[in-house]
C-alpha atoms as a PDB file:
ATOM      1  CA  MET A   1     -41.020 -66.542  24.619  1.00  0.00           C
ATOM      2  CA  PRO A   2     -40.979 -63.209  26.529  1.00  0.00           C
ATOM      3  CA  PRO A   3     -37.884 -61.018  25.863  1.00  0.00           C
ATOM      4  CA  TYR A   4     -36.926 -60.792  29.533  1.00  0.00           C
ATOM      5  CA  VAL A   5     -36.803 -64.570  29.700  1.00  0.00           C
ATOM      6  CA  ALA A   6     -34.580 -64.689  26.636  1.00  0.00           C
ATOM      7  CA  MET A   7     -32.154 -62.305  28.294  1.00  0.00           C
ATOM      8  CA  THR A   8     -32.059 -64.293  31.517  1.00  0.00           C
ATOM      9  CA  VAL A   9     -31.771 -67.991  30.755  1.00  0.00           C
ATOM     10  CA  ALA A  10     -29.230 -70.194  29.014  1.00  0.00           C
ATOM     11  CA  THR A  11     -28.657 -73.906  29.220  1.00  0.00           C
ATOM     12  CA  THR A  12     -26.473 -76.605  27.770  1.00  0.00           C
ATOM     13  CA  ASP A  13     -29.622 -78.533  26.842  1.00  0.00           C
ATOM     14  CA  PRO A  14     -32.117 -76.699  24.587  1.00  0.00           C
ATOM     15  CA  ALA A  15     -34.753 -79.366  25.171  1.00  0.00           C
ATOM     16  CA  GLY A  16     -34.375 -78.948  28.916  1.00  0.00           C
ATOM     17  CA  LEU A  17     -34.855 -75.226  28.546  1.00  0.00           C
ATOM     18  CA  SER A  18     -38.028 -75.772  26.512  1.00  0.00           C
ATOM     19  CA  LEU A  19     -39.455 -77.968  29.235  1.00  0.00           C
ATOM     20  CA  ALA A  20     -38.545 -75.522  31.984  1.00  0.00           C
ATOM     21  CA  LEU A  21     -40.180 -72.619  30.197  1.00  0.00           C
ATOM     22  CA  GLY A  22     -43.298 -74.545  29.350  1.00  0.00           C
ATOM     23  CA  TYR A  23     -42.752 -74.309  25.589  1.00  0.00           C
ATOM     24  CA  PRO A  24     -42.063 -77.867  24.444  1.00  0.00           C
ATOM     25  CA  GLY A  25     -40.275 -77.757  21.120  1.00  0.00           C
ATOM     26  CA  GLY A  26     -40.553 -73.986  20.854  1.00  0.00           C
ATOM     27  CA  ALA A  27     -37.665 -72.757  22.923  1.00  0.00           C
ATOM     28  CA  ALA A  28     -34.830 -74.736  21.366  1.00  0.00           C
ATOM     29  CA  PRO A  29     -33.835 -71.943  18.922  1.00  0.00           C
ATOM     30  CA  TYR A  30     -33.834 -69.445  21.802  1.00  0.00           C
ATOM     31  CA  ALA A  31     -31.642 -71.704  23.904  1.00  0.00           C
ATOM     32  CA  ALA A  32     -29.040 -71.953  21.148  1.00  0.00           C
ATOM     33  CA  MET A  33     -29.141 -68.186  20.691  1.00  0.00           C
ATOM     34  CA  LEU A  34     -28.771 -67.544  24.418  1.00  0.00           C
ATOM     35  CA  ARG A  35     -25.826 -69.873  24.738  1.00  0.00           C
ATOM     36  CA  GLU A  36     -24.033 -67.950  21.987  1.00  0.00           C
ATOM     37  CA  LEU A  37     -25.024 -64.596  23.485  1.00  0.00           C
ATOM     38  CA  ALA A  38     -23.757 -65.644  26.905  1.00  0.00           C
ATOM     39  CA  GLN A  39     -20.473 -66.830  25.439  1.00  0.00           C
ATOM     40  CA  GLN A  40     -19.922 -63.561  23.558  1.00  0.00           C
ATOM     41  CA  ASN A  41     -20.688 -61.380  26.591  1.00  0.00           C
ATOM     42  CA  GLY A  42     -19.068 -63.557  29.244  1.00  0.00           C
ATOM     43  CA  TRP A  43     -22.294 -63.895  31.239  1.00  0.00           C
ATOM     44  CA  GLY A  44     -22.718 -66.596  33.842  1.00  0.00           C
ATOM     45  CA  LEU A  45     -26.119 -68.222  33.303  1.00  0.00           C
ATOM     46  CA  ALA A  46     -27.845 -70.828  35.445  1.00  0.00           C
ATOM     47  CA  LEU A  47     -31.089 -72.669  36.102  1.00  0.00           C
ATOM     48  CA  LYS A  48     -31.646 -73.870  39.677  1.00  0.00           C
ATOM     49  CA  ARG A  49     -34.452 -75.527  41.633  1.00  0.00           C
ATOM     50  CA  ALA A  50     -36.476 -73.089  43.723  1.00  0.00           C
ATOM     51  CA  ASP A  51     -37.089 -75.463  46.631  1.00  0.00           C
ATOM     52  CA  ASP A  52     -33.551 -76.550  47.499  1.00  0.00           C
ATOM     53  CA  GLY A  53     -31.382 -74.292  45.273  1.00  0.00           C
ATOM     54  CA  ARG A  54     -29.710 -77.170  43.420  1.00  0.00           C
ATOM     55  CA  TYR A  55     -28.322 -76.272  40.000  1.00  0.00           C
ATOM     56  CA  VAL A  56     -30.066 -77.931  37.078  1.00  0.00           C
ATOM     57  CA  GLU A  57     -28.152 -76.263  34.242  1.00  0.00           C
ATOM     58  CA  VAL A  58     -25.097 -73.951  34.112  1.00  0.00           C
ATOM     59  CA  ASN A  59     -23.003 -72.461  31.322  1.00  0.00           C
ATOM     60  CA  PRO A  60     -19.164 -72.353  31.120  1.00  0.00           C
ATOM     61  CA  ALA A  61     -18.913 -68.767  32.379  1.00  0.00           C
ATOM     62  CA  LEU A  62     -20.726 -69.541  35.608  1.00  0.00           C
ATOM     63  CA  ALA A  63     -18.707 -72.716  36.065  1.00  0.00           C
ATOM     64  CA  ALA A  64     -15.544 -70.610  35.674  1.00  0.00           C
ATOM     65  CA  LEU A  65     -16.831 -68.263  38.375  1.00  0.00           C
ATOM     66  CA  PHE A  66     -16.810 -71.164  40.832  1.00  0.00           C
ATOM     67  CA  GLY A  67     -13.543 -72.511  39.430  1.00  0.00           C
ATOM     68  CA  ARG A  68     -15.141 -75.840  38.481  1.00  0.00           C
ATOM     69  CA  GLN A  69     -16.375 -77.817  35.505  1.00  0.00           C
ATOM     70  CA  GLU A  70     -20.023 -77.531  34.471  1.00  0.00           C
ATOM     71  CA  SER A  71     -20.662 -81.165  35.371  1.00  0.00           C
ATOM     72  CA  ASP A  72     -19.329 -80.529  38.906  1.00  0.00           C
ATOM     73  CA  LEU A  73     -22.022 -77.902  39.584  1.00  0.00           C
ATOM     74  CA  VAL A  74     -25.140 -79.723  38.432  1.00  0.00           C
ATOM     75  CA  GLY A  75     -26.920 -81.132  41.474  1.00  0.00           C
ATOM     76  CA  ARG A  76     -24.976 -78.943  43.906  1.00  0.00           C
ATOM     77  CA  THR A  77     -26.153 -75.945  45.946  1.00  0.00           C
ATOM     78  CA  ASP A  78     -24.485 -72.647  46.763  1.00  0.00           C
ATOM     79  CA  THR A  79     -23.935 -73.956  50.296  1.00  0.00           C
ATOM     80  CA  GLU A  80     -21.572 -76.599  48.903  1.00  0.00           C
ATOM     81  CA  LEU A  81     -19.655 -74.057  46.795  1.00  0.00           C
ATOM     82  CA  LEU A  82     -19.390 -70.779  48.722  1.00  0.00           C
ATOM     83  CA  ASP A  83     -18.792 -69.377  52.193  1.00  0.00           C
ATOM     84  CA  ALA A  84     -21.749 -69.241  54.557  1.00  0.00           C
ATOM     85  CA  ALA A  85     -21.913 -65.419  54.546  1.00  0.00           C
ATOM     86  CA  VAL A  86     -22.077 -65.320  50.748  1.00  0.00           C
ATOM     87  CA  VAL A  87     -24.658 -68.113  50.643  1.00  0.00           C
ATOM     88  CA  THR A  88     -26.875 -66.159  53.030  1.00  0.00           C
ATOM     89  CA  LEU A  89     -26.853 -63.123  50.755  1.00  0.00           C
ATOM     90  CA  LEU A  90     -27.534 -65.131  47.603  1.00  0.00           C
ATOM     91  CA  ARG A  91     -30.293 -67.189  49.188  1.00  0.00           C
ATOM     92  CA  ALA A  92     -32.027 -64.035  50.474  1.00  0.00           C
ATOM     93  CA  ALA A  93     -32.026 -62.577  46.944  1.00  0.00           C
ATOM     94  CA  ASP A  94     -33.329 -65.881  45.531  1.00  0.00           C
ATOM     95  CA  LYS A  95     -36.222 -65.898  48.005  1.00  0.00           C
ATOM     96  CA  THR A  96     -37.083 -62.274  47.238  1.00  0.00           C
ATOM     97  CA  ALA A  97     -37.225 -62.994  43.515  1.00  0.00           C
ATOM     98  CA  LEU A  98     -39.431 -66.050  44.091  1.00  0.00           C
ATOM     99  CA  ALA A  99     -41.745 -64.086  46.395  1.00  0.00           C
ATOM    100  CA  GLN A 100     -42.094 -61.245  43.896  1.00  0.00           C
ATOM    101  CA  GLY A 101     -42.781 -63.628  41.049  1.00  0.00           C
ATOM    102  CA  GLY A 102     -40.962 -61.335  38.622  1.00  0.00           C
ATOM    103  CA  ALA A 103     -37.494 -60.294  37.548  1.00  0.00           C
ATOM    104  CA  LEU A 104     -35.205 -59.021  40.322  1.00  0.00           C
ATOM    105  CA  ALA A 105     -31.853 -57.304  39.715  1.00  0.00           C
ATOM    106  CA  SER A 106     -29.324 -57.048  42.538  1.00  0.00           C
ATOM    107  CA  GLU A 107     -25.597 -56.529  43.066  1.00  0.00           C
ATOM    108  CA  HIS A 108     -23.355 -58.762  45.161  1.00  0.00           C
ATOM    109  CA  ARG A 109     -19.868 -58.074  46.484  1.00  0.00           C
ATOM    110  CA  PHE A 110     -17.873 -60.858  48.058  1.00  0.00           C
ATOM    111  CA  GLU A 111     -14.460 -62.482  48.172  1.00  0.00           C
ATOM    112  CA  LEU A 112     -13.980 -65.521  45.988  1.00  0.00           C
ATOM    113  CA  ARG A 113     -10.751 -67.507  45.839  1.00  0.00           C
ATOM    114  CA  GLY A 114      -8.840 -64.684  47.472  1.00  0.00           C
ATOM    115  CA  GLU A 115     -10.141 -61.935  45.150  1.00  0.00           C
ATOM    116  CA  ARG A 116     -12.703 -59.224  45.819  1.00  0.00           C
ATOM    117  CA  ARG A 117     -15.457 -59.684  43.213  1.00  0.00           C
ATOM    118  CA  GLU A 118     -18.527 -57.665  42.270  1.00  0.00           C
ATOM    119  CA  TYR A 119     -21.441 -58.961  40.199  1.00  0.00           C
ATOM    120  CA  SER A 120     -24.829 -57.846  38.962  1.00  0.00           C
ATOM    121  CA  VAL A 121     -27.317 -60.724  39.114  1.00  0.00           C
ATOM    122  CA  LEU A 122     -30.722 -60.824  37.416  1.00  0.00           C
ATOM    123  CA  ARG A 123     -33.143 -63.474  38.741  1.00  0.00           C
ATOM    124  CA  LEU A 124     -36.440 -64.648  37.249  1.00  0.00           C
ATOM    125  CA  PRO A 125     -38.775 -67.399  38.581  1.00  0.00           C
ATOM    126  CA  VAL A 126     -39.884 -69.874  35.930  1.00  0.00           C
ATOM    127  CA  PRO A 127     -42.919 -72.162  36.508  1.00  0.00           C
ATOM    128  CA  CYS A 128     -42.355 -75.833  35.761  1.00  0.00           C
ATOM    129  CA  ASP A 129     -44.522 -78.945  36.136  1.00  0.00           C
ATOM    130  CA  GLU A 130     -41.812 -80.612  38.231  1.00  0.00           C
ATOM    131  CA  GLY A 131     -41.527 -77.576  40.529  1.00  0.00           C
ATOM    132  CA  PRO A 132     -40.608 -73.898  40.127  1.00  0.00           C
ATOM    133  CA  LEU A 133     -37.141 -73.026  38.873  1.00  0.00           C
ATOM    134  CA  LEU A 134     -35.054 -69.873  39.185  1.00  0.00           C
ATOM    135  CA  CYS A 135     -33.164 -68.549  36.173  1.00  0.00           C
ATOM    136  CA  CYS A 136     -30.172 -66.278  36.832  1.00  0.00           C
ATOM    137  CA  VAL A 137     -27.685 -64.268  34.810  1.00  0.00           C
ATOM    138  CA  TRP A 138     -24.406 -63.162  36.407  1.00  0.00           C
ATOM    139  CA  GLN A 139     -22.521 -60.189  34.964  1.00  0.00           C
ATOM    140  CA  ASP A 140     -19.008 -59.409  36.176  1.00  0.00           C
ATOM    141  CA  LEU A 141     -18.926 -55.692  37.022  1.00  0.00           C
ATOM    142  CA  ALA A 142     -15.127 -55.447  37.099  1.00  0.00           C
ATOM    143  CA  PRO A 143     -14.813 -54.212  33.456  1.00  0.00           C
ATOM    144  CA  GLN A 144     -17.580 -51.673  34.013  1.00  0.00           C
ATOM    145  CA  ARG A 145     -16.026 -50.423  37.251  1.00  0.00           C
ATOM    146  CA  LEU A 146     -12.653 -50.148  35.505  1.00  0.00           C
ATOM    147  CA  ARG A 147     -14.178 -48.033  32.728  1.00  0.00           C
ATOM    148  CA  GLU A 148     -15.922 -45.838  35.298  1.00  0.00           C
ATOM    149  CA  ALA A 149     -12.664 -45.351  37.203  1.00  0.00           C
ATOM    150  CA  GLN A 150     -10.796 -44.514  34.002  1.00  0.00           C
ATOM    151  CA  LEU A 151     -13.470 -42.031  32.979  1.00  0.00           C
ATOM    152  CA  LYS A 152     -13.438 -40.430  36.428  1.00  0.00           C
ATOM    153  CA  ALA A 153      -9.639 -40.151  36.343  1.00  0.00           C
ATOM    154  CA  ALA A 154      -9.768 -38.635  32.846  1.00  0.00           C
ATOM    155  CA  LEU A 155     -12.372 -36.077  33.926  1.00  0.00           C
ATOM    156  CA  GLN A 156     -10.378 -35.203  37.026  1.00  0.00           C
ATOM    157  CA  GLN A 157      -7.248 -34.721  34.960  1.00  0.00           C
ATOM    158  CA  LEU A 158      -9.171 -32.578  32.472  1.00  0.00           C
ATOM    159  CA  GLU A 159     -10.467 -30.447  35.326  1.00  0.00           C
ATOM    160  CA  GLN A 160      -6.952 -30.113  36.745  1.00  0.00           C
ATOM    161  CA  GLN A 161      -5.622 -29.109  33.345  1.00  0.00           C
ATOM    162  CA  GLN A 162      -8.357 -26.516  32.959  1.00  0.00           C
ATOM    163  CA  ARG A 163      -7.492 -25.033  36.347  1.00  0.00           C
ATOM    164  CA  ALA A 164      -3.801 -25.126  35.459  1.00  0.00           C
ATOM    165  CA  ASN A 165      -4.471 -23.418  32.129  1.00  0.00           C
ATOM    166  CA  GLU A 166      -6.411 -20.706  33.915  1.00  0.00           C
ATOM    167  CA  MET A 167      -3.517 -20.195  36.320  1.00  0.00           C
ATOM    168  CA  LEU A 168      -1.162 -20.092  33.362  1.00  0.00           C
ATOM    169  CA  ARG A 169      -3.208 -17.391  31.661  1.00  0.00           C
ATOM    170  CA  ARG A 170      -3.080 -15.307  34.824  1.00  0.00           C
ATOM    171  CA  ASP A 171       0.644 -15.901  35.176  1.00  0.00           C
ATOM    172  CA  LEU A 172       1.238 -14.756  31.615  1.00  0.00           C
ATOM    173  CA  ALA A 173      -0.363 -11.399  32.270  1.00  0.00           C
ATOM    174  CA  ASP A 174       3.100  -9.997  32.995  1.00  0.00           C
ATOM    175  CA  GLN A 175       5.005 -11.000  29.845  1.00  0.00           C
ATOM    176  CA  THR A 176       8.205  -9.350  31.044  1.00  0.00           C
ATOM    177  CA  LEU A 177       8.590 -11.929  33.835  1.00  0.00           C
ATOM    178  CA  ARG A 178       7.135 -15.067  32.240  1.00  0.00           C
ATOM    179  CA  ASP A 179       8.066 -17.377  29.405  1.00  0.00           C
ATOM    180  CA  GLN A 180       5.002 -17.705  27.170  1.00  0.00           C
ATOM    181  CA  ALA A 181       5.513 -21.377  26.251  1.00  0.00           C
ATOM    182  CA  SER A 182       5.891 -22.765  29.790  1.00  0.00           C
ATOM    183  CA  GLY A 183       4.517 -19.987  32.024  1.00  0.00           C
ATOM    184  CA  LEU A 184       7.784 -20.022  34.010  1.00  0.00           C
ATOM    185  CA  ASN A 185      10.092 -17.140  34.857  1.00  0.00           C
ATOM    186  CA  THR A 186      12.285 -15.727  32.136  1.00  0.00           C
ATOM    187  CA  ARG A 187      16.013 -16.404  32.418  1.00  0.00           C
ATOM    188  CA  ALA A 188      16.777 -12.774  33.303  1.00  0.00           C
ATOM    189  CA  HIS A 189      14.226 -12.700  36.111  1.00  0.00           C
ATOM    190  CA  PHE A 190      15.430 -16.066  37.402  1.00  0.00           C
ATOM    191  CA  ASP A 191      19.067 -14.922  37.477  1.00  0.00           C
ATOM    192  CA  ASP A 192      18.016 -11.850  39.437  1.00  0.00           C
ATOM    193  CA  GLN A 193      16.210 -14.023  41.989  1.00  0.00           C
ATOM    194  CA  MET A 194      19.219 -16.318  42.300  1.00  0.00           C
ATOM    195  CA  ARG A 195      21.550 -13.402  42.992  1.00  0.00           C
ATOM    196  CA  ARG A 196      19.218 -12.198  45.747  1.00  0.00           C
ATOM    197  CA  GLU A 197      19.005 -15.703  47.204  1.00  0.00           C
ATOM    198  CA  LEU A 198      22.784 -16.038  47.128  1.00  0.00           C
ATOM    199  CA  ASP A 199      23.218 -12.728  48.906  1.00  0.00           C
ATOM    200  CA  LEU A 200      20.586 -13.557  51.541  1.00  0.00           C
ATOM    201  CA  SER A 201      21.992 -17.053  52.170  1.00  0.00           C
ATOM    202  CA  THR A 202      25.524 -15.661  52.520  1.00  0.00           C
ATOM    203  CA  ARG A 203      24.458 -13.058  55.072  1.00  0.00           C
ATOM    204  CA  GLU A 204      22.225 -15.396  57.076  1.00  0.00           C
ATOM    205  CA  HIS A 205      24.482 -18.478  56.768  1.00  0.00           C
ATOM    206  CA  ARG A 206      21.773 -20.680  55.313  1.00  0.00           C
ATOM    207  CA  GLU A 207      21.633 -23.070  52.363  1.00  0.00           C
ATOM    208  CA  PHE A 208      19.684 -23.273  49.143  1.00  0.00           C
ATOM    209  CA  ALA A 209      19.673 -25.601  46.140  1.00  0.00           C
ATOM    210  CA  LEU A 210      19.909 -25.085  42.388  1.00  0.00           C
ATOM    211  CA  VAL A 211      18.625 -27.664  39.899  1.00  0.00           C
ATOM    212  CA  TYR A 212      19.345 -27.810  36.181  1.00  0.00           C
ATOM    213  CA  MET A 213      17.020 -29.953  34.055  1.00  0.00           C
ATOM    214  CA  ALA A 214      17.117 -31.148  30.467  1.00  0.00           C
ATOM    215  CA  LEU A 215      14.356 -32.842  28.511  1.00  0.00           C
ATOM    216  CA  ASP A 216      15.523 -36.253  27.359  1.00  0.00           C
ATOM    217  CA  PRO A 217      15.315 -37.019  23.609  1.00  0.00           C
ATOM    218  CA  PHE A 218      11.680 -37.149  22.532  1.00  0.00           C
ATOM    219  CA  SER A 219      10.009 -40.357  21.384  1.00  0.00           C
ATOM    220  CA  GLU A 220       9.455 -40.928  17.673  1.00  0.00           C
ATOM    221  CA  ARG A 221       5.766 -40.223  18.206  1.00  0.00           C
ATOM    222  CA  ALA A 222       6.484 -36.828  19.744  1.00  0.00           C
ATOM    223  CA  GLN A 223       9.052 -36.010  17.070  1.00  0.00           C
ATOM    224  CA  SER A 224       6.513 -36.758  14.354  1.00  0.00           C
ATOM    225  CA  HIS A 225       4.276 -33.964  15.681  1.00  0.00           C
ATOM    226  CA  GLY A 226       7.105 -31.419  15.539  1.00  0.00           C
ATOM    227  CA  GLN A 227       6.739 -28.019  17.183  1.00  0.00           C
ATOM    228  CA  ARG A 228       3.199 -28.650  18.422  1.00  0.00           C
ATOM    229  CA  ALA A 229       4.394 -31.594  20.500  1.00  0.00           C
ATOM    230  CA  GLN A 230       7.229 -29.532  21.970  1.00  0.00           C
ATOM    231  CA  GLU A 231       4.795 -26.811  22.993  1.00  0.00           C
ATOM    232  CA  ARG A 232       2.541 -29.345  24.755  1.00  0.00           C
ATOM    233  CA  ILE A 233       5.528 -30.801  26.604  1.00  0.00           C
ATOM    234  CA  PHE A 234       6.746 -27.303  27.571  1.00  0.00           C
ATOM    235  CA  GLU A 235       3.269 -26.554  28.960  1.00  0.00           C
ATOM    236  CA  ALA A 236       3.262 -29.817  30.940  1.00  0.00           C
ATOM    237  CA  MET A 237       6.768 -29.191  32.256  1.00  0.00           C
ATOM    238  CA  GLY A 238       5.853 -25.683  33.335  1.00  0.00           C
ATOM    239  CA  ARG A 239       2.720 -26.950  35.059  1.00  0.00           C
ATOM    240  CA  LEU A 240       4.666 -29.610  36.952  1.00  0.00           C
ATOM    241  CA  LEU A 241       7.386 -27.177  38.017  1.00  0.00           C
ATOM    242  CA  ARG A 242       4.850 -24.675  39.314  1.00  0.00           C
ATOM    243  CA  GLY A 243       3.007 -27.424  41.152  1.00  0.00           C
ATOM    244  CA  ASN A 244       6.176 -28.683  42.852  1.00  0.00           C
ATOM    245  CA  THR A 245       7.663 -25.364  43.982  1.00  0.00           C
ATOM    246  CA  ARG A 246       6.733 -22.966  46.756  1.00  0.00           C
ATOM    247  CA  ALA A 247       6.138 -19.236  46.632  1.00  0.00           C
ATOM    248  CA  MET A 248       9.703 -18.568  47.831  1.00  0.00           C
ATOM    249  CA  ASP A 249      11.200 -20.845  45.129  1.00  0.00           C
ATOM    250  CA  ALA A 250      11.820 -19.899  41.500  1.00  0.00           C
ATOM    251  CA  SER A 251      11.815 -21.799  38.223  1.00  0.00           C
ATOM    252  CA  CYS A 252      12.582 -20.845  34.643  1.00  0.00           C
ATOM    253  CA  ARG A 253      12.929 -22.164  31.129  1.00  0.00           C
ATOM    254  CA  ILE A 254      16.492 -21.603  29.980  1.00  0.00           C
ATOM    255  CA  ASP A 255      16.158 -22.637  26.320  1.00  0.00           C
ATOM    256  CA  GLU A 256      14.402 -25.173  24.079  1.00  0.00           C
ATOM    257  CA  ARG A 257      15.234 -28.186  26.266  1.00  0.00           C
ATOM    258  CA  HIS A 258      16.616 -26.816  29.537  1.00  0.00           C
ATOM    259  CA  PHE A 259      14.952 -25.637  32.743  1.00  0.00           C
ATOM    260  CA  ALA A 260      16.199 -24.492  36.141  1.00  0.00           C
ATOM    261  CA  VAL A 261      14.770 -24.457  39.669  1.00  0.00           C
ATOM    262  CA  LEU A 262      15.929 -22.567  42.750  1.00  0.00           C
ATOM    263  CA  LEU A 263      14.832 -24.098  46.064  1.00  0.00           C
ATOM    264  CA  SER A 264      15.104 -21.523  48.836  1.00  0.00           C
ATOM    265  CA  GLY A 265      16.377 -22.685  52.229  1.00  0.00           C
ATOM    266  CA  VAL A 266      16.675 -26.300  51.051  1.00  0.00           C
ATOM    267  CA  GLY A 267      19.725 -28.558  51.444  1.00  0.00           C
ATOM    268  CA  LEU A 268      21.127 -31.082  49.013  1.00  0.00           C
ATOM    269  CA  ALA A 269      19.352 -34.146  50.459  1.00  0.00           C
ATOM    270  CA  THR A 270      15.925 -32.492  50.575  1.00  0.00           C
ATOM    271  CA  ALA A 271      16.370 -31.075  47.084  1.00  0.00           C
ATOM    272  CA  HIS A 272      17.278 -34.519  45.775  1.00  0.00           C
ATOM    273  CA  SER A 273      14.165 -36.051  47.364  1.00  0.00           C
ATOM    274  CA  ARG A 274      11.867 -33.386  45.921  1.00  0.00           C
ATOM    275  CA  MET A 275      13.393 -33.569  42.461  1.00  0.00           C
ATOM    276  CA  GLU A 276      13.201 -37.358  42.447  1.00  0.00           C
ATOM    277  CA  GLY A 277       9.476 -37.013  43.047  1.00  0.00           C
ATOM    278  CA  LEU A 278       9.230 -34.481  40.209  1.00  0.00           C
ATOM    279  CA  ARG A 279      11.182 -36.791  37.909  1.00  0.00           C
ATOM    280  CA  ARG A 280       8.695 -39.589  38.530  1.00  0.00           C
ATOM    281  CA  GLN A 281       5.791 -37.246  37.856  1.00  0.00           C
ATOM    282  CA  CYS A 282       7.312 -36.217  34.534  1.00  0.00           C
ATOM    283  CA  ALA A 283       7.819 -39.848  33.518  1.00  0.00           C
ATOM    284  CA  THR A 284       4.158 -40.679  34.219  1.00  0.00           C
ATOM    285  CA  GLN A 285       2.553 -37.428  33.059  1.00  0.00           C
ATOM    286  CA  ILE A 286      -0.117 -37.888  30.376  1.00  0.00           C
ATOM    287  CA  VAL A 287       0.444 -35.416  27.533  1.00  0.00           C
ATOM    288  CA  MET A 288      -2.101 -35.796  24.725  1.00  0.00           C
ATOM    289  CA  LEU A 289      -1.996 -34.412  21.186  1.00  0.00           C
ATOM    290  CA  ASP A 290      -4.425 -35.397  18.417  1.00  0.00           C
ATOM    291  CA  GLY A 291      -5.543 -38.400  20.446  1.00  0.00           C
ATOM    292  CA  GLU A 292      -2.005 -39.715  20.979  1.00  0.00           C
ATOM    293  CA  GLU A 293      -0.024 -39.808  24.206  1.00  0.00           C
ATOM    294  CA  LEU A 294       3.368 -38.127  23.837  1.00  0.00           C
ATOM    295  CA  GLY A 295       5.142 -38.706  27.150  1.00  0.00           C
ATOM    296  CA  PHE A 296       8.517 -37.314  28.184  1.00  0.00           C
ATOM    297  CA  THR A 297      11.295 -37.736  30.745  1.00  0.00           C
ATOM    298  CA  VAL A 298      13.901 -35.376  32.185  1.00  0.00           C
ATOM    299  CA  SER A 299      17.454 -35.527  33.473  1.00  0.00           C
ATOM    300  CA  MET A 300      18.365 -33.407  36.513  1.00  0.00           C
ATOM    301  CA  GLY A 301      21.519 -32.138  38.138  1.00  0.00           C
ATOM    302  CA  VAL A 302      21.305 -30.845  41.728  1.00  0.00           C
ATOM    303  CA  ALA A 303      23.830 -28.594  43.486  1.00  0.00           C
ATOM    304  CA  SER A 304      23.607 -26.600  46.717  1.00  0.00           C
ATOM    305  CA  PHE A 305      25.111 -23.582  48.403  1.00  0.00           C
ATOM    306  CA  PRO A 306      27.423 -23.694  50.250  1.00  0.00           C
ATOM    307  CA  HIS A 307      28.047 -27.463  50.282  1.00  0.00           C
ATOM    308  CA  THR A 308      28.885 -27.932  46.595  1.00  0.00           C
ATOM    309  CA  ALA A 309      29.777 -24.357  45.605  1.00  0.00           C
ATOM    310  CA  HIS A 310      30.573 -21.013  47.237  1.00  0.00           C
ATOM    311  CA  GLY A 311      29.562 -18.586  44.509  1.00  0.00           C
ATOM    312  CA  HIS A 312      27.257 -17.923  41.592  1.00  0.00           C
ATOM    313  CA  ASP A 313      29.499 -19.250  38.834  1.00  0.00           C
ATOM    314  CA  GLU A 314      30.679 -22.238  40.874  1.00  0.00           C
ATOM    315  CA  LEU A 315      27.081 -23.180  41.610  1.00  0.00           C
ATOM    316  CA  ILE A 316      26.116 -23.084  37.941  1.00  0.00           C
ATOM    317  CA  ASP A 317      29.191 -25.118  36.996  1.00  0.00           C
ATOM    318  CA  ALA A 318      28.376 -27.721  39.667  1.00  0.00           C
ATOM    319  CA  CYS A 319      24.815 -27.995  38.364  1.00  0.00           C
ATOM    320  CA  THR A 320      26.011 -28.321  34.775  1.00  0.00           C
ATOM    321  CA  VAL A 321      28.418 -31.125  35.665  1.00  0.00           C
ATOM    322  CA  ALA A 322      25.724 -32.972  37.669  1.00  0.00           C
ATOM    323  CA  LEU A 323      23.268 -32.656  34.778  1.00  0.00           C
ATOM    324  CA  ALA A 324      25.832 -34.034  32.347  1.00  0.00           C
ATOM    325  CA  GLU A 325      26.331 -37.010  34.681  1.00  0.00           C
ATOM    326  CA  ALA A 326      22.574 -37.665  34.757  1.00  0.00           C
ATOM    327  CA  GLN A 327      22.494 -37.625  30.959  1.00  0.00           C
ATOM    328  CA  ARG A 328      25.553 -39.880  30.801  1.00  0.00           C
ATOM    329  CA  ARG A 329      23.623 -42.433  32.880  1.00  0.00           C
ATOM    330  CA  GLY A 330      20.997 -42.620  30.170  1.00  0.00           C
ATOM    331  CA  GLY A 331      18.576 -39.874  31.209  1.00  0.00           C
ATOM    332  CA  ASN A 332      15.459 -39.930  33.392  1.00  0.00           C
ATOM    333  CA  THR A 333      17.835 -39.629  36.355  1.00  0.00           C
ATOM    334  CA  VAL A 334      18.647 -37.188  39.169  1.00  0.00           C
ATOM    335  CA  ALA A 335      22.377 -36.710  39.809  1.00  0.00           C
ATOM    336  CA  LEU A 336      23.963 -34.790  42.712  1.00  0.00           C
ATOM    337  CA  ALA A 337      26.911 -32.437  42.508  1.00  0.00           C
ATOM    338  CA  THR A 338      30.028 -33.419  44.462  1.00  0.00           C
ATOM    339  CA  ILE A 339      30.173 -32.023  48.003  1.00  0.00           C
ATOM    340  CA  ARG A 340      33.240 -29.878  48.665  1.00  0.00           C
ATOM    341  CA  PHE A 341      35.517 -30.947  51.512  1.00  0.00           C
ATOM    342  CA  GLU A 342      37.990 -28.283  52.594  1.00  0.00           C
ATOM    343  CA  PRO A 343      40.660 -28.601  55.274  1.00  0.00           C
ATOM    344  CA  SER A 344      39.926 -26.791  58.517  1.00  0.00           C
END
C-alpha cells in the first residue's frame, strides 16, 4: 500500500477499504492504523464516489465537521450538507484531483454553522472495480493559525522590547538625569520640571496634572524571584511610562514602588482617561523571567492644578490622598483628587 494512500484514507470498515484500494485482505491492518491515526490527530477522513460525490465511508471527525452522525452522511452528497457556494468550491477541487489522477492539496475557507472555518484538504483518486472513488483528509487549520498568530505576536513584542531597550540605553547616557533601573527621570530632575511647570501654568493661567503611582503587591511568583523580578518590572514600568507620555511631559521613579507623572497642559478628566489606559496596559503587560510570566498592576492617584490644588505642596498632598484611596479600593485602580470649590 503506497504511503501517500495510507496518509489519506480511513474508513469504519477495513474490508471496505481493502476493496476500494484493490488489495483484498491486505489493507485491513492499514485501515485499523489509519482510523487510530485520524482519531489521535483529529483529521476528518472520507471516501466518496467520484461520479456523484456520495459518501461511502466517513470517520467521526468528519461527521463532527458537518454536525451529524456518521450514519447520516453515508449516501449523501455535499450538496445536501453545505451551502451552494461551498459545494461549488469543493466540487471543483474534487474534479481537479480526479483529472490529475494524483494527490491534490488545497485550502478551503468558508462559514459553517455560523463560524468562519479554514481547512487543508488532501484528495487522492482511488481506482475501484465498481467505479472510481475519491479519498480525502480534512485538517482543521485553526490550531495552526493560532500558533502562527501567537508566534507573530511574540516576535513583534520581542522586536518592540529590543527597540525599547535600545532607547533605554540611549536615555541612560546622561546618568545625572535618569534612573538606571527604569530609565525615567530622577526625583530631583522631576521636581525641577514640576516647579517650572507650576510657574508657567500660574503665569499663563493654564492647567496641568500630576499623577502618583504605586506598584501593587507582587504575586507570589514575582516575589519568589526577588530583586531580579523587581528590576524586570521596573524596566517594564519605565517603558510603559515613556510610551504613554509626550515630550513636554515628565515621569520619574520616586522609590522602590512609587512613580510620578507630570502631564503638561492636561486637565483632570483627560489625565484620568490617559492614566486609565496606562493602568490597563500595566495589567496586561507580559513580563517574562526565566520562562515565567510575572505580571503586575498599579494604583494611581490623579490631581490637577489649579482645580484640586493651588501650590506645589498642596498638589503633592492631593495626589498622595488620591493614591491612598486607590490602594484602599484594592489596587489596580485610578482615583481622582477632590476638586476644590471656593466661594466667589
